[in-house]
Amino acid sequence: MLLGKVVGTVWATRKDESMVGMKLQIVREVDVHHAEKDRFVIAVDSVGAGVGEIVLVAQGSSARQTQLTRDKPVDAVISAIVDKLDVSG
């Protein structure tokens, strides 16, 4: 899983029919202190995340395991909104 911050939305009026109604979010990877990294992914939002929220992203075949994304052409899905991180040290 990837820890990231939602930084924007992708609008695609023409897409595969199985993806109609899916919200696509731009998620920038962050470290455990919320410092942004250079890497980003476009992920289907299955939990109603908004811009600025810290989220967990599942990728690859795991991205197709949610009720919303099952058997869809999806490689990344926002599967959780992070409320809190406890980091020791």
Protein backbone atom coordinates (compact mmCIF):
# COMPACT_ATOMS: atom_id res chain seq x y z
CA MET A 1 0.00 0.00 0.00
CA LEU A 2 1.00 3.54 -0.65
CA LEU A 3 0.54 6.44 1.78
CA GLY A 4 -0.45 9.56 -0.12
CA LYS A 5 -2.18 12.92 -0.18
CA VAL A 6 -5.02 13.71 -2.56
CA VAL A 7 -3.84 16.73 -4.57
CA GLY A 8 -6.36 16.92 -7.38
CA THR A 9 -9.02 15.35 -9.56
CA VAL A 10 -8.87 13.94 -13.08
CA TRP A 11 -11.89 14.59 -15.32
CA ALA A 12 -12.34 12.15 -18.20
CA THR A 13 -15.64 12.43 -20.04
CA ARG A 14 -14.69 9.62 -22.44
CA LYS A 15 -13.57 6.42 -20.76
CA ASP A 16 -14.29 2.70 -20.63
CA GLU A 17 -18.00 2.15 -19.95
CA SER A 18 -17.21 0.09 -16.85
CA MET A 19 -15.61 3.18 -15.27
CA VAL A 20 -18.55 5.56 -15.73
CA GLY A 21 -19.36 7.18 -12.38
CA MET A 22 -15.94 6.53 -10.84
CA LYS A 23 -14.13 9.51 -9.32
CA LEU A 24 -10.45 9.68 -10.32
CA GLN A 25 -8.08 11.39 -7.89
CA ILE A 26 -4.45 12.46 -8.21
CA VAL A 27 -2.58 11.10 -5.19
CA ARG A 28 0.97 12.24 -4.41
CA GLU A 29 3.02 9.82 -2.31
CA VAL A 30 4.01 11.11 1.16
CA ASP A 31 6.25 9.79 3.92
CA VAL A 32 5.05 9.13 7.49
CA HIS A 33 5.64 12.80 8.35
CA HIS A 34 3.41 13.88 5.40
CA ALA A 35 6.38 15.21 3.41
CA GLU A 36 5.48 14.95 -0.28
CA LYS A 37 7.58 12.82 -2.62
CA ASP A 38 7.92 13.13 -6.41
CA ARG A 39 5.83 10.05 -7.23
CA PHE A 40 2.09 10.23 -7.88
CA VAL A 41 -0.69 7.92 -9.06
CA ILE A 42 -4.16 8.33 -10.48
CA ALA A 43 -6.51 6.29 -8.29
CA VAL A 44 -10.21 5.47 -8.27
CA ASP A 45 -11.75 6.88 -5.09
CA SER A 46 -13.80 4.17 -3.39
CA VAL A 47 -14.18 5.96 -0.03
CA GLY A 48 -15.13 9.58 -0.81
CA ALA A 49 -11.75 11.19 -0.15
CA GLY A 50 -11.22 14.88 -0.81
CA VAL A 51 -8.33 17.09 -1.81
CA GLY A 52 -5.87 17.49 1.06
CA GLU A 53 -6.71 14.22 2.79
CA ILE A 54 -4.10 11.56 3.59
CA VAL A 55 -5.14 8.22 2.12
CA LEU A 56 -4.02 4.62 1.58
CA VAL A 57 -3.80 3.43 -2.01
CA ALA A 58 -3.81 -0.20 -3.11
CA GLN A 59 -2.22 -0.94 -6.47
CA GLY A 60 -2.03 -3.73 -9.01
CA SER A 61 -4.40 -6.68 -8.71
CA SER A 62 -5.31 -5.58 -5.17
CA ALA A 63 -6.87 -2.44 -6.68
CA ARG A 64 -9.51 -4.63 -8.30
CA GLN A 65 -10.69 -6.17 -5.02
CA THR A 66 -13.14 -3.47 -3.88
CA GLN A 67 -16.84 -3.69 -4.59
CA LEU A 68 -16.57 -0.63 -6.86
CA THR A 69 -13.54 -1.78 -8.86
CA ARG A 70 -14.04 -5.55 -9.16
CA ASP A 71 -13.15 -6.72 -12.69
CA LYS A 72 -12.62 -3.14 -13.91
CA PRO A 73 -9.54 -1.77 -15.76
CA VAL A 74 -8.13 -0.18 -12.59
CA ASP A 75 -4.55 -0.23 -11.32
CA ALA A 76 -4.89 1.96 -8.20
CA VAL A 77 -7.71 2.55 -5.72
CA ILE A 78 -8.06 4.75 -2.65
CA SER A 79 -9.11 2.20 -0.04
CA ALA A 80 -8.92 4.25 3.19
CA ILE A 81 -8.79 7.80 4.55
CA VAL A 82 -6.13 8.05 7.27
CA ASP A 83 -7.31 9.65 10.52
CA LYS A 84 -4.06 9.36 12.42
CA LEU A 85 -0.54 7.94 12.17
CA ASP A 86 1.39 6.81 15.24
CA VAL A 87 5.10 6.74 14.47
CA SER A 88 7.64 5.85 17.16
CA GLY A 89 11.09 7.32 17.18
